Amino acid sequence: IVNVHSLRRGAAEAIEAIAHGDERSSKVVGKTIEEIDLPEGSTIGAIVRNGEVIIAHDDVVVQQDDHVIMFLVDKRKIREVERLFQVGLTFF
């Protein structure tokens, strides 16, 4: 996770996370947005890839080094989002 910003006086959180790894070591890389098991109350709004903003649709595939912009209505779920973007041991 690169950045976390509170929105609406803490009513929601905007999170920027970088997708690391590959299809074997990541829970997000190589998956469509629809396939990602997001924590309840969270949504992916956009992906920044090579300086280009891609509006998130269910069929967009997350690639390595994408910056994923997410919104969370429950900041207690930030830890779950962090785990979602951690790479497995096969990455190293």
C-alpha atoms as a PDB file:
ATOM      1  CA  ILE A   1       0.000   0.000   0.000  1.00  0.00           C
ATOM      2  CA  VAL A   2       1.430   3.325  -1.068  1.00  0.00           C
ATOM      3  CA  ASN A   3      -1.117   5.854   0.216  1.00  0.00           C
ATOM      4  CA  VAL A   4      -4.229   5.961   2.375  1.00  0.00           C
ATOM      5  CA  HIS A   5      -6.410   9.067   2.523  1.00  0.00           C
ATOM      6  CA  SER A   6      -9.465   9.670   4.663  1.00  0.00           C
ATOM      7  CA  LEU A   7     -12.515  10.920   2.796  1.00  0.00           C
ATOM      8  CA  ARG A   8     -15.519  12.751   4.180  1.00  0.00           C
ATOM      9  CA  ARG A   9     -13.951  13.246   7.615  1.00  0.00           C
ATOM     10  CA  GLY A  10     -13.093   9.585   8.007  1.00  0.00           C
ATOM     11  CA  ALA A  11     -16.336   8.164   6.632  1.00  0.00           C
ATOM     12  CA  ALA A  12     -14.377   6.349   3.913  1.00  0.00           C
ATOM     13  CA  GLU A  13     -10.800   5.664   2.847  1.00  0.00           C
ATOM     14  CA  ALA A  14      -9.079   5.979  -0.529  1.00  0.00           C
ATOM     15  CA  ILE A  15      -6.192   3.543  -0.915  1.00  0.00           C
ATOM     16  CA  GLU A  16      -3.450   3.315  -3.533  1.00  0.00           C
ATOM     17  CA  ALA A  17      -1.788  -0.091  -3.697  1.00  0.00           C
ATOM     18  CA  ILE A  18       0.802  -1.433  -6.126  1.00  0.00           C
ATOM     19  CA  ALA A  19       0.228  -4.900  -7.577  1.00  0.00           C
ATOM     20  CA  HIS A  20       3.481  -6.870  -7.231  1.00  0.00           C
ATOM     21  CA  GLY A  21       4.301 -10.432  -8.213  1.00  0.00           C
ATOM     22  CA  ASP A  22       2.837 -12.634 -10.899  1.00  0.00           C
ATOM     23  CA  GLU A  23      -0.130 -14.966 -11.316  1.00  0.00           C
ATOM     24  CA  ARG A  24       1.443 -17.542  -8.969  1.00  0.00           C
ATOM     25  CA  SER A  25       2.558 -15.236  -6.162  1.00  0.00           C
ATOM     26  CA  SER A  26      -0.158 -12.561  -6.158  1.00  0.00           C
ATOM     27  CA  LYS A  27      -3.863 -12.613  -5.312  1.00  0.00           C
ATOM     28  CA  VAL A  28      -4.544  -9.789  -7.781  1.00  0.00           C
ATOM     29  CA  VAL A  29      -2.043  -9.905 -10.684  1.00  0.00           C
ATOM     30  CA  GLY A  30      -3.457 -11.654 -13.738  1.00  0.00           C
ATOM     31  CA  LYS A  31      -7.014 -11.521 -12.404  1.00  0.00           C
ATOM     32  CA  THR A  32      -9.932  -9.491 -13.650  1.00  0.00           C
ATOM     33  CA  ILE A  33     -11.414  -7.066 -11.155  1.00  0.00           C
ATOM     34  CA  GLU A  34     -14.466  -9.313 -11.002  1.00  0.00           C
ATOM     35  CA  GLU A  35     -12.294 -12.280  -9.886  1.00  0.00           C
ATOM     36  CA  ILE A  36     -10.565 -10.433  -7.013  1.00  0.00           C
ATOM     37  CA  ASP A  37     -11.926 -11.319  -3.585  1.00  0.00           C
ATOM     38  CA  LEU A  38     -12.304  -7.784  -2.237  1.00  0.00           C
ATOM     39  CA  PRO A  39     -13.181  -7.177   1.409  1.00  0.00           C
ATOM     40  CA  GLU A  40     -16.815  -6.264   1.977  1.00  0.00           C
ATOM     41  CA  GLY A  41     -17.448  -2.555   1.515  1.00  0.00           C
ATOM     42  CA  SER A  42     -14.494  -2.009  -0.803  1.00  0.00           C
ATOM     43  CA  THR A  43     -14.359  -1.294  -4.500  1.00  0.00           C
ATOM     44  CA  ILE A  44     -11.685  -0.663  -7.110  1.00  0.00           C
ATOM     45  CA  GLY A  45     -12.260   2.674  -8.819  1.00  0.00           C
ATOM     46  CA  ALA A  46      -9.323   2.926 -11.197  1.00  0.00           C
ATOM     47  CA  ILE A  47      -5.955   1.517 -12.193  1.00  0.00           C
ATOM     48  CA  VAL A  48      -2.964   3.635 -13.129  1.00  0.00           C
ATOM     49  CA  ARG A  49      -0.772   1.793 -15.624  1.00  0.00           C
ATOM     50  CA  ASN A  50       2.284   3.446 -17.199  1.00  0.00           C
ATOM     51  CA  GLY A  51       0.895   6.892 -16.372  1.00  0.00           C
ATOM     52  CA  GLU A  52      -2.501   6.141 -17.939  1.00  0.00           C
ATOM     53  CA  VAL A  53      -5.683   6.024 -15.846  1.00  0.00           C
ATOM     54  CA  ILE A  54      -7.949   3.068 -16.592  1.00  0.00           C
ATOM     55  CA  ILE A  55     -11.465   3.246 -15.159  1.00  0.00           C
ATOM     56  CA  ALA A  56     -12.194  -0.025 -13.377  1.00  0.00           C
ATOM     57  CA  HIS A  57     -14.616  -2.406 -15.054  1.00  0.00           C
ATOM     58  CA  ASP A  58     -15.203  -6.056 -14.153  1.00  0.00           C
ATOM     59  CA  ASP A  59     -13.236  -7.293 -17.191  1.00  0.00           C
ATOM     60  CA  VAL A  60     -10.067  -5.208 -16.597  1.00  0.00           C
ATOM     61  CA  VAL A  61      -7.091  -7.456 -15.788  1.00  0.00           C
ATOM     62  CA  VAL A  62      -4.675  -6.251 -13.104  1.00  0.00           C
ATOM     63  CA  GLN A  63      -1.062  -6.373 -14.280  1.00  0.00           C
ATOM     64  CA  GLN A  64       2.228  -6.339 -12.399  1.00  0.00           C
ATOM     65  CA  ASP A  65       3.175  -2.832 -11.148  1.00  0.00           C
ATOM     66  CA  ASP A  66      -0.336  -1.424 -11.657  1.00  0.00           C
ATOM     67  CA  HIS A  67      -1.323   1.213  -9.109  1.00  0.00           C
ATOM     68  CA  VAL A  68      -4.776   0.153  -7.945  1.00  0.00           C
ATOM     69  CA  ILE A  69      -7.017   2.899  -6.545  1.00  0.00           C
ATOM     70  CA  MET A  70      -9.567   1.521  -4.095  1.00  0.00           C
ATOM     71  CA  PHE A  71     -12.287   2.942  -1.890  1.00  0.00           C
ATOM     72  CA  LEU A  72     -13.219   1.490   1.496  1.00  0.00           C
ATOM     73  CA  VAL A  73     -16.215   2.436   3.617  1.00  0.00           C
ATOM     74  CA  ASP A  74     -14.833   0.658   6.697  1.00  0.00           C
ATOM     75  CA  LYS A  75     -11.271   1.605   7.624  1.00  0.00           C
ATOM     76  CA  ARG A  76     -11.033  -1.503   9.807  1.00  0.00           C
ATOM     77  CA  LYS A  77     -10.752  -3.434   6.517  1.00  0.00           C
ATOM     78  CA  ILE A  78      -7.449  -1.762   5.547  1.00  0.00           C
ATOM     79  CA  ARG A  79      -5.527  -4.715   7.001  1.00  0.00           C
ATOM     80  CA  GLU A  80      -7.471  -7.105   4.729  1.00  0.00           C
ATOM     81  CA  VAL A  81      -6.606  -4.963   1.712  1.00  0.00           C
ATOM     82  CA  GLU A  82      -2.927  -5.028   2.738  1.00  0.00           C
ATOM     83  CA  ARG A  83      -3.012  -8.842   2.876  1.00  0.00           C
ATOM     84  CA  LEU A  84      -4.706  -8.963  -0.518  1.00  0.00           C
ATOM     85  CA  PHE A  85      -1.767  -7.106  -2.089  1.00  0.00           C
ATOM     86  CA  GLN A  86       1.008  -9.046  -0.334  1.00  0.00           C
ATOM     87  CA  VAL A  87       2.960 -11.426  -2.518  1.00  0.00           C
ATOM     88  CA  GLY A  88       3.522 -15.072  -1.660  1.00  0.00           C
ATOM     89  CA  LEU A  89       6.885 -16.666  -0.958  1.00  0.00           C
ATOM     90  CA  THR A  90       7.194 -17.871  -4.562  1.00  0.00           C
ATOM     91  CA  PHE A  91       7.801 -14.226  -5.553  1.00  0.00           C
ATOM     92  CA  PHE A  92      11.176 -14.186  -3.800  1.00  0.00           C
END
